N, C-alpha and C. Protein backbone atom coordinates (compact mmCIF):
# COMPACT_ATOMS: atom_id res chain seq x y z
N MET A 1 2.85 0.33 0.06
CA MET A 1 3.60 0.98 1.04
C MET A 1 2.87 1.51 2.52
N ASP A 2 2.01 2.24 2.31
CA ASP A 2 1.05 2.78 3.42
C ASP A 2 0.39 1.53 4.13
N GLY A 3 0.79 1.49 5.35
CA GLY A 3 0.08 0.42 6.19
C GLY A 3 0.57 -0.94 6.13
N VAL A 4 1.54 -1.19 5.16
CA VAL A 4 2.46 -2.42 5.02
C VAL A 4 3.68 -2.25 5.64
N ILE A 5 4.65 -1.39 4.79
CA ILE A 5 5.85 -1.13 5.33
C ILE A 5 5.92 0.13 6.25
N VAL A 6 5.19 1.18 6.01
CA VAL A 6 5.27 2.55 6.55
C VAL A 6 3.69 2.62 7.36
N ASP A 7 4.03 2.85 8.50
CA ASP A 7 2.61 3.30 9.51
C ASP A 7 2.16 4.67 9.44
N SER A 8 1.53 4.84 8.33
CA SER A 8 1.23 6.30 7.91
C SER A 8 -0.28 6.57 7.82
N HIS A 9 -1.03 5.58 8.11
CA HIS A 9 -2.50 5.58 8.08
C HIS A 9 -3.09 6.76 8.96
N PRO A 10 -2.70 6.95 10.04
CA PRO A 10 -3.20 7.94 10.89
C PRO A 10 -3.15 9.28 10.31
N LEU A 11 -1.88 9.52 10.00
CA LEU A 11 -1.45 10.90 9.58
C LEU A 11 -2.09 11.19 8.15
N HIS A 12 -2.45 10.24 7.18
CA HIS A 12 -3.24 10.42 5.95
C HIS A 12 -4.63 10.86 6.27
N ARG A 13 -5.31 10.18 7.54
CA ARG A 13 -6.47 10.55 7.86
C ARG A 13 -6.60 11.92 8.19
N ILE A 14 -5.49 12.34 8.86
CA ILE A 14 -5.60 14.00 9.41
C ILE A 14 -5.48 14.89 8.28
N ALA A 15 -4.38 14.40 7.39
CA ALA A 15 -4.17 15.36 6.09
C ALA A 15 -5.12 15.50 5.39
N TRP A 16 -5.88 14.40 5.06
CA TRP A 16 -7.10 14.51 4.14
C TRP A 16 -8.30 15.14 4.74
N ARG A 17 -8.47 14.95 6.21
CA ARG A 17 -9.67 15.47 6.80
C ARG A 17 -9.32 17.21 6.70
N GLU A 18 -8.26 17.54 6.82
CA GLU A 18 -7.96 18.79 7.07
C GLU A 18 -7.96 19.60 5.55
N PHE A 19 -7.53 18.96 4.57
CA PHE A 19 -7.53 19.37 3.33
C PHE A 19 -9.00 19.58 2.79
N LEU A 20 -9.91 18.40 3.16
CA LEU A 20 -11.28 18.85 2.68
C LEU A 20 -11.98 19.80 3.48
N ARG A 21 -11.56 19.86 4.59
CA ARG A 21 -12.10 21.01 5.49
C ARG A 21 -11.86 22.53 4.88
N THR A 22 -10.70 22.39 4.17
CA THR A 22 -10.18 23.71 3.56
C THR A 22 -11.38 24.02 2.63
N LEU A 23 -11.89 23.03 1.83
CA LEU A 23 -12.74 23.19 0.78
C LEU A 23 -14.22 23.22 1.25
N GLY A 24 -14.50 23.27 2.43
CA GLY A 24 -15.96 23.41 3.04
C GLY A 24 -16.42 21.84 3.25
N GLN A 25 -15.63 20.89 3.14
CA GLN A 25 -16.11 19.44 3.17
C GLN A 25 -15.85 18.94 4.58
N SER A 26 -16.79 18.44 5.28
CA SER A 26 -16.98 17.81 6.61
C SER A 26 -17.03 16.30 6.44
N VAL A 27 -15.96 15.68 6.90
CA VAL A 27 -16.02 14.22 6.45
C VAL A 27 -15.78 13.38 7.84
N ASP A 28 -16.63 12.63 8.02
CA ASP A 28 -16.56 11.87 9.41
C ASP A 28 -15.64 10.58 9.32
N GLU A 29 -15.23 10.04 10.42
CA GLU A 29 -14.23 9.31 10.50
C GLU A 29 -14.53 7.73 9.50
N PRO A 30 -15.69 7.08 9.69
CA PRO A 30 -15.86 5.81 8.75
C PRO A 30 -15.90 6.57 7.16
N ALA A 31 -16.22 7.71 6.83
CA ALA A 31 -16.15 7.99 5.36
C ALA A 31 -14.56 8.17 4.94
N LEU A 32 -13.72 8.52 6.13
CA LEU A 32 -12.21 8.55 5.50
C LEU A 32 -11.64 7.28 5.44
N ASP A 33 -12.26 6.20 5.77
CA ASP A 33 -11.75 4.78 5.67
C ASP A 33 -11.57 4.62 4.24
N PHE A 34 -12.44 5.25 3.36
CA PHE A 34 -11.88 5.23 1.98
C PHE A 34 -10.50 5.56 1.33
N VAL A 35 -9.67 6.54 2.08
CA VAL A 35 -8.38 7.07 1.61
C VAL A 35 -7.34 5.99 2.11
N LEU A 36 -7.95 5.08 3.04
CA LEU A 36 -6.96 3.94 3.39
C LEU A 36 -6.90 2.45 2.55
N ASP A 37 -7.75 2.60 1.40
CA ASP A 37 -8.10 1.33 0.88
C ASP A 37 -7.38 1.15 -0.58
N GLY A 38 -6.18 1.69 -0.53
CA GLY A 38 -5.28 1.45 -1.92
C GLY A 38 -5.86 2.19 -3.11
N ARG A 39 -6.51 3.28 -2.75
CA ARG A 39 -7.00 3.99 -4.06
C ARG A 39 -5.78 5.05 -4.22
N THR A 40 -5.86 5.58 -5.48
CA THR A 40 -4.93 6.68 -5.92
C THR A 40 -5.61 7.91 -5.44
N ARG A 41 -4.53 8.90 -5.41
CA ARG A 41 -4.97 10.25 -5.02
C ARG A 41 -6.01 10.88 -6.13
N LYS A 42 -6.25 10.71 -7.20
CA LYS A 42 -7.10 10.92 -8.27
C LYS A 42 -8.58 10.26 -7.73
N GLU A 43 -8.53 9.10 -7.50
CA GLU A 43 -9.63 8.60 -7.20
C GLU A 43 -10.32 9.00 -5.74
N ILE A 44 -9.52 9.23 -4.96
CA ILE A 44 -10.00 9.96 -3.49
C ILE A 44 -10.49 11.29 -3.76
N LEU A 45 -10.00 12.02 -4.60
CA LEU A 45 -10.45 13.39 -5.01
C LEU A 45 -11.73 13.54 -5.67
N LEU A 46 -11.69 12.53 -6.49
CA LEU A 46 -13.02 12.46 -7.31
C LEU A 46 -14.31 11.76 -6.43
N HIS A 47 -13.85 10.81 -5.57
CA HIS A 47 -14.72 10.25 -4.53
C HIS A 47 -15.39 11.49 -3.81
N PHE A 48 -14.71 12.38 -3.08
CA PHE A 48 -15.09 13.29 -2.20
C PHE A 48 -15.55 14.59 -2.79
N LEU A 49 -15.19 14.90 -4.21
CA LEU A 49 -15.54 16.06 -4.62
C LEU A 49 -16.17 16.15 -6.02
N GLY A 50 -16.49 15.00 -6.37
CA GLY A 50 -17.02 14.94 -7.90
C GLY A 50 -16.24 15.33 -8.85
N PRO A 51 -16.81 15.49 -10.05
CA PRO A 51 -15.91 15.60 -11.19
C PRO A 51 -15.11 17.05 -10.92
N LEU A 52 -13.95 16.83 -11.53
CA LEU A 52 -12.75 17.77 -11.55
C LEU A 52 -11.81 17.93 -12.57
N THR A 53 -11.63 19.26 -12.95
CA THR A 53 -10.72 19.35 -14.02
C THR A 53 -9.39 18.80 -13.88
N PRO A 54 -8.58 18.48 -14.92
CA PRO A 54 -7.06 18.26 -14.70
C PRO A 54 -6.39 19.17 -13.86
N ALA A 55 -6.59 20.39 -14.00
CA ALA A 55 -5.87 21.49 -13.11
C ALA A 55 -6.48 21.49 -11.74
N GLN A 56 -7.59 21.29 -11.40
CA GLN A 56 -8.15 20.99 -10.24
C GLN A 56 -7.52 19.98 -9.52
N LEU A 57 -7.42 18.81 -10.07
CA LEU A 57 -6.79 17.55 -9.73
C LEU A 57 -5.32 17.79 -9.18
N ALA A 58 -4.53 18.53 -10.12
CA ALA A 58 -3.18 18.59 -9.95
C ALA A 58 -3.17 19.57 -8.77
N ASP A 59 -3.84 20.78 -8.68
CA ASP A 59 -3.69 21.67 -7.61
C ASP A 59 -4.17 21.20 -6.42
N TYR A 60 -5.43 20.32 -6.15
CA TYR A 60 -5.84 19.62 -4.96
C TYR A 60 -4.64 18.72 -4.55
N GLY A 61 -4.23 18.01 -5.40
CA GLY A 61 -3.29 16.76 -4.89
C GLY A 61 -2.05 17.48 -4.50
N ARG A 62 -1.44 18.62 -5.08
CA ARG A 62 -0.23 19.47 -4.34
C ARG A 62 -0.64 19.82 -3.09
N ARG A 63 -1.70 20.28 -3.01
CA ARG A 63 -2.28 20.93 -1.68
C ARG A 63 -2.45 19.93 -0.55
N LYS A 64 -2.99 18.78 -0.94
CA LYS A 64 -3.06 17.42 0.30
C LYS A 64 -1.67 17.17 0.41
N ASP A 65 -0.79 16.92 -0.51
CA ASP A 65 0.46 16.64 -0.30
C ASP A 65 1.39 17.55 0.74
N GLU A 66 1.00 18.65 0.55
CA GLU A 66 1.87 19.61 1.27
C GLU A 66 1.40 19.56 2.79
N LEU A 67 0.09 19.23 2.96
CA LEU A 67 -0.37 19.12 4.41
C LEU A 67 0.43 17.66 5.00
N PHE A 68 0.53 16.77 4.23
CA PHE A 68 1.06 15.52 4.55
C PHE A 68 2.41 15.74 4.88
N ARG A 69 3.14 16.37 4.03
CA ARG A 69 4.50 16.62 4.26
C ARG A 69 4.89 17.18 5.63
N GLN A 70 3.86 17.92 6.26
CA GLN A 70 4.10 18.62 7.55
C GLN A 70 4.26 17.47 8.75
N PHE A 71 4.06 16.21 8.35
CA PHE A 71 3.93 14.93 9.27
C PHE A 71 5.33 14.22 8.79
N ASP A 72 6.14 14.49 7.90
CA ASP A 72 7.23 13.64 7.37
C ASP A 72 8.14 13.00 8.62
N GLY A 73 8.19 13.87 9.62
CA GLY A 73 8.99 13.52 10.72
C GLY A 73 8.68 12.56 11.58
N GLU A 74 7.23 12.27 11.25
CA GLU A 74 6.39 11.43 12.28
C GLU A 74 6.12 10.03 11.61
N VAL A 75 6.57 9.83 10.53
CA VAL A 75 6.12 8.72 9.88
C VAL A 75 7.23 7.68 10.63
N ARG A 76 6.66 6.29 10.68
CA ARG A 76 7.58 5.45 11.15
C ARG A 76 7.40 4.04 10.28
N THR A 77 8.13 3.17 10.45
CA THR A 77 7.98 1.87 9.80
C THR A 77 7.08 1.05 10.61
N ILE A 78 6.36 0.05 9.96
CA ILE A 78 5.74 -0.92 10.83
C ILE A 78 6.67 -1.87 11.25
N PRO A 79 6.22 -2.18 12.74
CA PRO A 79 7.03 -3.02 13.65
C PRO A 79 7.63 -4.26 13.04
N GLY A 80 8.79 -4.39 13.04
CA GLY A 80 9.38 -5.58 12.44
C GLY A 80 9.83 -5.71 11.03
N VAL A 81 9.38 -4.47 10.19
CA VAL A 81 9.41 -4.62 8.61
C VAL A 81 10.70 -4.61 8.27
N VAL A 82 11.59 -3.58 8.87
CA VAL A 82 12.83 -3.58 8.46
C VAL A 82 13.89 -4.80 8.54
N GLU A 83 13.53 -5.46 9.72
CA GLU A 83 14.21 -6.83 9.99
C GLU A 83 13.87 -7.64 8.89
N PHE A 84 12.48 -7.96 8.52
CA PHE A 84 12.04 -8.59 7.68
C PHE A 84 12.50 -8.34 6.27
N LEU A 85 12.61 -7.33 5.90
CA LEU A 85 13.05 -6.93 4.50
C LEU A 85 14.68 -7.08 4.30
N GLN A 86 15.47 -7.10 5.45
CA GLN A 86 16.96 -7.56 5.62
C GLN A 86 17.23 -8.89 5.50
N HIS A 87 15.96 -9.75 6.15
CA HIS A 87 16.12 -10.87 5.77
C HIS A 87 15.94 -11.46 4.53
N LEU A 88 14.89 -10.95 3.70
CA LEU A 88 14.72 -11.46 2.54
C LEU A 88 15.67 -11.04 1.51
N ALA A 89 16.20 -9.86 1.90
CA ALA A 89 17.33 -9.51 0.95
C ALA A 89 18.62 -10.28 1.04
N GLY A 90 18.93 -10.72 2.38
CA GLY A 90 19.85 -11.72 2.55
C GLY A 90 19.85 -12.84 1.87
N MET A 91 18.54 -13.28 1.71
CA MET A 91 18.14 -14.56 0.76
C MET A 91 18.32 -14.07 -0.70
N GLY A 92 18.34 -13.05 -0.92
CA GLY A 92 18.48 -12.79 -2.61
C GLY A 92 16.96 -12.65 -2.98
N MET A 93 16.16 -12.58 -2.22
CA MET A 93 14.79 -12.44 -2.55
C MET A 93 14.54 -11.05 -3.50
N PRO A 94 13.95 -11.11 -4.80
CA PRO A 94 13.55 -10.23 -5.70
C PRO A 94 12.37 -9.71 -5.00
N MET A 95 12.34 -8.25 -4.77
CA MET A 95 11.22 -7.51 -4.02
C MET A 95 10.83 -6.54 -5.06
N ALA A 96 9.43 -6.13 -5.17
CA ALA A 96 8.83 -5.24 -5.61
C ALA A 96 8.01 -4.43 -4.71
N LEU A 97 7.81 -2.83 -4.90
CA LEU A 97 6.80 -2.13 -4.31
C LEU A 97 5.63 -1.64 -5.25
N ALA A 98 4.40 -2.09 -4.98
CA ALA A 98 3.46 -1.65 -5.70
C ALA A 98 2.34 -0.92 -5.04
N THR A 99 2.44 0.28 -4.87
CA THR A 99 1.51 1.23 -4.21
C THR A 99 0.90 2.33 -5.02
N SER A 100 -0.32 2.64 -4.45
CA SER A 100 -1.04 3.52 -5.18
C SER A 100 -0.72 5.14 -4.83
N ALA A 101 0.15 5.33 -4.09
CA ALA A 101 0.76 6.65 -3.50
C ALA A 101 1.42 7.09 -4.81
N THR A 102 1.70 8.64 -4.95
CA THR A 102 2.25 9.00 -6.08
C THR A 102 3.81 8.94 -5.94
N GLY A 103 4.34 8.91 -6.93
CA GLY A 103 5.76 8.75 -7.18
C GLY A 103 6.75 9.63 -6.46
N ARG A 104 6.21 10.87 -6.29
CA ARG A 104 7.13 11.72 -5.50
C ARG A 104 7.08 11.45 -4.07
N ARG A 105 5.77 11.19 -3.42
CA ARG A 105 5.77 10.65 -2.00
C ARG A 105 6.55 9.52 -1.77
N VAL A 106 6.32 8.62 -2.56
CA VAL A 106 6.91 7.25 -2.47
C VAL A 106 8.39 7.49 -2.31
N GLN A 107 9.19 8.21 -3.32
CA GLN A 107 10.46 8.31 -3.24
C GLN A 107 10.84 9.05 -2.11
N GLY A 108 10.20 9.91 -1.64
CA GLY A 108 10.65 10.69 -0.53
C GLY A 108 10.33 9.93 0.61
N THR A 109 9.40 9.25 0.91
CA THR A 109 9.21 8.33 2.00
C THR A 109 10.20 7.13 2.36
N LEU A 110 10.43 6.51 1.18
CA LEU A 110 11.45 5.47 1.05
C LEU A 110 12.92 6.06 1.21
N HIS A 111 13.31 7.01 0.86
CA HIS A 111 14.67 7.43 1.10
C HIS A 111 14.78 8.03 2.68
N HIS A 112 13.61 8.65 3.01
CA HIS A 112 13.68 9.09 4.42
C HIS A 112 14.04 8.15 5.36
N LEU A 113 13.27 6.85 5.14
CA LEU A 113 13.17 5.66 5.96
C LEU A 113 14.49 4.80 5.79
N GLY A 114 15.09 4.91 4.44
CA GLY A 114 16.08 4.11 4.14
C GLY A 114 15.79 2.68 3.67
N LEU A 115 14.64 2.80 2.90
CA LEU A 115 13.87 1.34 2.57
C LEU A 115 14.06 1.33 1.11
N ALA A 116 14.45 2.24 0.23
CA ALA A 116 14.37 2.01 -1.21
C ALA A 116 15.38 0.96 -1.62
N LYS A 117 16.42 0.82 -0.97
CA LYS A 117 17.40 -0.27 -1.39
C LYS A 117 16.86 -1.62 -1.41
N PHE A 118 15.95 -1.78 -0.85
CA PHE A 118 15.28 -3.00 -0.61
C PHE A 118 14.43 -3.57 -1.67
N PHE A 119 14.19 -2.63 -2.70
CA PHE A 119 13.26 -2.95 -3.80
C PHE A 119 13.80 -2.86 -5.32
N ARG A 120 13.74 -3.92 -5.89
CA ARG A 120 14.39 -3.93 -7.19
C ARG A 120 13.58 -3.17 -8.13
N GLN A 121 12.16 -3.14 -7.98
CA GLN A 121 11.25 -2.32 -8.87
C GLN A 121 10.32 -1.71 -7.72
N ILE A 122 9.85 -0.27 -8.29
CA ILE A 122 8.90 0.16 -7.61
C ILE A 122 7.67 0.88 -8.57
N VAL A 123 6.44 0.55 -8.50
CA VAL A 123 5.36 0.87 -9.24
C VAL A 123 4.41 1.74 -8.24
N THR A 124 4.18 3.02 -8.78
CA THR A 124 3.33 3.88 -8.24
C THR A 124 1.97 4.21 -8.92
N GLY A 125 1.06 4.71 -8.17
CA GLY A 125 -0.28 5.17 -8.66
C GLY A 125 -0.07 5.87 -9.79
N ASP A 126 0.98 6.71 -10.00
CA ASP A 126 1.17 7.50 -11.12
C ASP A 126 1.09 6.70 -12.52
N GLU A 127 1.47 5.54 -12.51
CA GLU A 127 1.68 4.75 -13.64
C GLU A 127 0.71 3.74 -13.98
N VAL A 128 -0.54 3.89 -13.39
CA VAL A 128 -1.64 3.01 -13.66
C VAL A 128 -2.83 3.96 -14.06
N GLY A 129 -3.75 3.58 -14.73
CA GLY A 129 -4.92 4.40 -14.76
C GLY A 129 -5.97 4.24 -13.70
N THR A 130 -6.03 3.13 -13.02
CA THR A 130 -6.95 2.81 -12.01
C THR A 130 -6.20 1.99 -10.94
N GLY A 131 -6.43 2.66 -9.69
CA GLY A 131 -5.97 2.07 -8.26
C GLY A 131 -6.52 0.70 -7.90
N LYS A 132 -6.00 0.06 -6.90
CA LYS A 132 -6.59 -1.15 -6.34
C LYS A 132 -8.07 -0.96 -5.97
N PRO A 133 -9.03 -1.83 -6.27
CA PRO A 133 -8.72 -3.39 -6.37
C PRO A 133 -8.49 -3.68 -7.99
N ASP A 134 -8.31 -2.82 -8.83
CA ASP A 134 -7.92 -2.99 -10.28
C ASP A 134 -6.55 -3.73 -9.98
N PRO A 135 -6.51 -4.88 -10.85
CA PRO A 135 -5.10 -5.57 -10.69
C PRO A 135 -4.02 -5.14 -11.55
N ALA A 136 -4.09 -3.87 -12.39
CA ALA A 136 -3.14 -3.43 -12.94
C ALA A 136 -1.70 -3.31 -12.39
N ILE A 137 -1.69 -2.70 -11.07
CA ILE A 137 -0.67 -2.24 -10.39
C ILE A 137 0.20 -3.64 -10.28
N TYR A 138 -0.49 -4.73 -9.85
CA TYR A 138 0.30 -5.77 -9.60
C TYR A 138 0.61 -6.53 -10.76
N ARG A 139 0.06 -6.54 -11.75
CA ARG A 139 0.44 -6.94 -12.96
C ARG A 139 1.79 -6.29 -13.46
N LEU A 140 1.72 -5.05 -13.48
CA LEU A 140 2.78 -4.40 -13.86
C LEU A 140 4.06 -4.53 -13.09
N ALA A 141 3.85 -4.76 -11.96
CA ALA A 141 5.15 -5.37 -10.81
C ALA A 141 5.53 -6.45 -11.31
N ALA A 142 4.71 -7.63 -11.48
CA ALA A 142 5.10 -8.81 -12.00
C ALA A 142 5.95 -8.79 -13.16
N GLU A 143 5.51 -7.78 -14.10
CA GLU A 143 6.26 -7.62 -15.38
C GLU A 143 7.58 -7.27 -15.23
N ARG A 144 7.63 -6.11 -14.37
CA ARG A 144 8.78 -5.46 -14.23
C ARG A 144 9.88 -6.45 -13.54
N LEU A 145 9.37 -7.13 -12.54
CA LEU A 145 10.14 -8.45 -11.93
C LEU A 145 10.63 -9.31 -12.86
N GLN A 146 10.02 -9.28 -14.00
CA GLN A 146 10.09 -10.46 -15.04
C GLN A 146 9.91 -11.97 -14.27
N GLU A 147 8.89 -12.03 -13.57
CA GLU A 147 8.32 -13.28 -12.88
C GLU A 147 6.89 -13.35 -13.22
N PRO A 148 6.37 -14.62 -13.28
CA PRO A 148 5.02 -14.96 -13.42
C PRO A 148 4.54 -14.62 -12.31
N ALA A 149 3.20 -14.19 -12.30
CA ALA A 149 2.47 -13.82 -11.32
C ALA A 149 2.06 -14.91 -10.22
N ASN A 150 2.03 -16.11 -10.91
CA ASN A 150 1.69 -17.11 -9.85
C ASN A 150 2.86 -17.66 -9.09
N SER A 151 4.12 -16.93 -9.33
CA SER A 151 5.38 -17.36 -8.35
C SER A 151 5.33 -16.14 -7.43
N LEU A 152 4.66 -15.13 -7.43
CA LEU A 152 4.74 -14.09 -6.51
C LEU A 152 3.89 -14.06 -5.27
N LEU A 153 4.28 -13.42 -4.24
CA LEU A 153 3.53 -13.26 -3.26
C LEU A 153 3.39 -11.72 -2.61
N ALA A 154 2.03 -11.37 -2.79
CA ALA A 154 1.99 -9.88 -2.38
C ALA A 154 1.51 -9.90 -0.85
N ILE A 155 1.99 -8.58 -0.25
CA ILE A 155 1.76 -8.55 1.17
C ILE A 155 0.86 -7.21 1.15
N GLU A 156 -0.52 -7.41 1.80
CA GLU A 156 -1.43 -6.39 1.64
C GLU A 156 -1.89 -6.07 3.31
N ASP A 157 -2.54 -4.81 3.50
CA ASP A 157 -3.13 -4.52 4.82
C ASP A 157 -4.79 -4.30 4.47
N ALA A 158 -4.89 -4.11 3.19
CA ALA A 158 -6.29 -3.66 2.68
C ALA A 158 -7.12 -4.61 1.88
N VAL A 159 -8.37 -4.56 2.08
CA VAL A 159 -9.15 -5.39 1.20
C VAL A 159 -9.11 -5.06 -0.23
N SER A 160 -8.93 -4.04 -0.62
CA SER A 160 -8.98 -3.58 -2.03
C SER A 160 -7.64 -4.19 -2.68
N GLY A 161 -6.45 -4.06 -1.73
CA GLY A 161 -5.24 -4.60 -2.24
C GLY A 161 -5.28 -6.00 -2.23
N VAL A 162 -5.74 -6.69 -1.45
CA VAL A 162 -5.73 -8.27 -1.48
C VAL A 162 -6.43 -8.54 -2.86
N LYS A 163 -7.65 -7.79 -3.19
CA LYS A 163 -8.37 -8.14 -4.33
C LYS A 163 -7.76 -7.92 -5.62
N SER A 164 -6.80 -6.86 -5.45
CA SER A 164 -5.99 -6.41 -6.65
C SER A 164 -4.79 -7.65 -6.91
N ALA A 165 -4.32 -8.02 -5.79
CA ALA A 165 -3.30 -8.91 -6.11
C ALA A 165 -3.75 -10.25 -6.61
N ARG A 166 -4.96 -10.82 -5.93
CA ARG A 166 -5.51 -11.87 -6.38
C ARG A 166 -6.01 -11.95 -7.87
N ALA A 167 -6.83 -10.74 -8.03
CA ALA A 167 -6.97 -10.88 -9.59
C ALA A 167 -6.08 -10.78 -10.61
N ALA A 168 -4.73 -10.38 -10.11
CA ALA A 168 -3.44 -10.21 -10.94
C ALA A 168 -2.90 -11.82 -10.98
N GLY A 169 -3.22 -12.68 -10.28
CA GLY A 169 -2.79 -13.89 -10.09
C GLY A 169 -1.71 -14.18 -9.23
N LEU A 170 -1.58 -13.49 -7.99
CA LEU A 170 -0.82 -13.42 -7.05
C LEU A 170 -1.36 -14.21 -5.92
N ARG A 171 -0.30 -14.88 -5.20
CA ARG A 171 -1.01 -15.22 -3.81
C ARG A 171 -0.89 -13.99 -2.83
N CYS A 172 -1.43 -13.98 -1.82
CA CYS A 172 -1.62 -12.65 -0.85
C CYS A 172 -1.52 -13.11 0.60
N MET A 173 -0.45 -12.63 1.25
CA MET A 173 -0.47 -12.35 2.87
C MET A 173 -0.79 -11.39 3.20
N GLY A 174 -1.60 -11.32 4.30
CA GLY A 174 -2.15 -10.17 5.13
C GLY A 174 -1.44 -9.61 6.15
N ILE A 175 -1.45 -8.34 6.46
CA ILE A 175 -0.82 -7.63 7.78
C ILE A 175 -1.89 -6.97 8.36
N ALA A 176 -2.45 -7.42 9.52
CA ALA A 176 -3.72 -6.79 9.93
C ALA A 176 -3.95 -7.23 11.35
N SER A 177 -4.58 -6.33 12.25
CA SER A 177 -4.84 -6.55 13.51
C SER A 177 -5.96 -7.51 13.52
N ALA A 178 -6.30 -8.22 14.71
CA ALA A 178 -7.15 -9.34 14.91
C ALA A 178 -8.60 -8.85 14.31
N SER A 179 -8.93 -7.56 14.39
CA SER A 179 -10.17 -6.79 14.16
C SER A 179 -10.58 -6.89 12.79
N ARG A 180 -9.35 -6.79 11.94
CA ARG A 180 -9.43 -6.76 10.37
C ARG A 180 -9.18 -8.12 9.65
N ALA A 181 -8.38 -9.00 10.49
CA ALA A 181 -7.89 -10.18 9.71
C ALA A 181 -9.02 -10.94 8.99
N ASP A 182 -10.04 -11.02 9.57
CA ASP A 182 -11.13 -11.94 8.83
C ASP A 182 -11.53 -11.06 7.60
N ALA A 183 -11.59 -9.71 7.55
CA ALA A 183 -12.03 -9.32 6.44
C ALA A 183 -10.85 -9.56 5.24
N LEU A 184 -9.57 -9.52 5.65
CA LEU A 184 -8.63 -9.85 4.49
C LEU A 184 -8.75 -11.17 4.16
N ARG A 185 -9.00 -12.03 5.06
CA ARG A 185 -9.08 -13.66 4.68
C ARG A 185 -10.33 -13.87 3.62
N ALA A 186 -11.36 -12.97 4.09
CA ALA A 186 -12.52 -13.16 3.19
C ALA A 186 -12.25 -12.74 1.74
N ALA A 187 -11.26 -11.77 1.59
CA ALA A 187 -10.85 -11.09 0.36
C ALA A 187 -10.07 -12.13 -0.58
N GLY A 188 -9.41 -13.01 0.30
CA GLY A 188 -8.35 -13.89 -0.33
C GLY A 188 -6.97 -13.86 0.11
N ALA A 189 -6.69 -13.10 1.32
CA ALA A 189 -5.47 -13.26 1.96
C ALA A 189 -5.18 -14.43 3.03
N ASP A 190 -4.13 -15.25 2.75
CA ASP A 190 -3.82 -16.46 3.53
C ASP A 190 -2.41 -16.74 3.41
N PRO A 191 -1.66 -16.51 4.51
CA PRO A 191 -1.92 -16.47 5.92
C PRO A 191 -2.19 -14.86 6.19
N VAL A 192 -2.67 -14.51 7.32
CA VAL A 192 -2.62 -13.23 7.83
C VAL A 192 -1.87 -13.12 9.29
N PHE A 193 -0.94 -12.18 9.24
CA PHE A 193 -0.14 -11.94 10.44
C PHE A 193 -0.53 -10.54 10.97
N PRO A 194 -0.28 -10.47 12.53
CA PRO A 194 -0.56 -9.13 12.90
C PRO A 194 0.46 -8.03 12.61
N ASP A 195 1.69 -8.52 12.44
CA ASP A 195 2.80 -7.69 12.17
C ASP A 195 4.02 -8.41 11.93
N PHE A 196 5.31 -7.98 11.47
CA PHE A 196 6.36 -8.72 11.07
C PHE A 196 7.33 -9.00 12.16
N ARG A 197 6.83 -8.61 13.31
CA ARG A 197 8.04 -8.93 14.43
C ARG A 197 8.20 -10.69 14.63
N GLY A 198 9.59 -10.79 14.52
CA GLY A 198 9.86 -12.15 14.53
C GLY A 198 9.65 -12.98 13.23
N LEU A 199 9.08 -12.57 12.46
CA LEU A 199 8.63 -13.30 11.12
C LEU A 199 9.87 -13.69 10.27
N SER A 200 9.87 -14.95 9.81
CA SER A 200 10.86 -15.29 8.68
C SER A 200 10.26 -15.69 7.49
N PHE A 201 11.13 -16.07 6.49
CA PHE A 201 10.48 -16.66 5.28
C PHE A 201 9.98 -18.11 5.44
N ALA A 202 10.73 -18.84 6.34
CA ALA A 202 10.53 -20.17 6.61
C ALA A 202 8.95 -20.21 7.30
N GLN A 203 8.65 -19.32 8.26
CA GLN A 203 7.29 -19.35 8.71
C GLN A 203 6.32 -19.00 7.57
N VAL A 204 6.62 -18.08 6.77
CA VAL A 204 5.56 -17.57 5.64
C VAL A 204 5.48 -18.93 4.63
N ALA A 205 6.67 -19.62 4.40
CA ALA A 205 6.62 -20.79 3.58
C ALA A 205 5.58 -21.76 3.97
N VAL A 206 5.98 -22.04 5.32
CA VAL A 206 5.13 -23.13 6.12
C VAL A 206 3.55 -22.81 6.04
N ALA A 207 3.28 -21.68 6.19
CA ALA A 207 2.09 -21.18 5.91
C ALA A 207 1.33 -21.24 4.66
N LEU A 208 2.22 -21.10 3.59
CA LEU A 208 1.51 -21.42 2.15
C LEU A 208 1.78 -22.76 1.56
N ALA A 209 2.30 -23.50 2.49
CA ALA A 209 2.69 -24.92 1.99
C ALA A 209 1.69 -25.65 1.50
N PRO A 210 0.24 -25.56 2.06
CA PRO A 210 -0.98 -26.23 1.46
C PRO A 210 -1.12 -25.87 -0.11
N ALA A 211 -0.69 -24.69 -0.33
CA ALA A 211 -1.03 -24.08 -1.75
C ALA A 211 0.24 -24.51 -2.69
N LYS A 212 1.23 -25.24 -2.33
CA LYS A 212 2.40 -25.82 -2.92
C LYS A 212 3.20 -24.69 -3.94
N ILE A 213 3.19 -23.46 -2.88
CA ILE A 213 3.95 -22.44 -3.59
C ILE A 213 5.42 -22.58 -2.94
């Protein structure tokens, strides 16, 4: 979801920085890249704060989400993604969302932006023990779609997400700026597009043709 269909990364950086500041943690910009790499909220909290009790994990997660909700009105979709989803839906293409975000935030974001209707299945970070690059979330998405993994295409913007999809047996298409495209390709994404503007399934199929998918 974040970074692929929803342009929320800058807001997440602000929310995590402010949350960590309330606990006396000063985190620089490079360190904050960790929160954008497909990790679950629990993994992010443990990464920055070390061992925590279940009660602390729940409390800190709630507090961070409260900070992020202040930006709900500023969350926008990635350019061209609504048209692309409409295009795929018109073809009868089954789609699932596999995101490390919590179920509560996912439902709120999707309904706020009118995107929930596009997804036959939604798998969130609450439902898997380990976030990306572990393949569990994509395996569960394939299982719920009742499709073999090698017939599915993941769309990712993060290296850990690409690795997760590939480890689960999916092909992976990247969405990234020119500065990040090579990193996604090195992780296994092919093709990589800058965004969804003007993109059709026919264009994606042509790019995938050498792999006979």
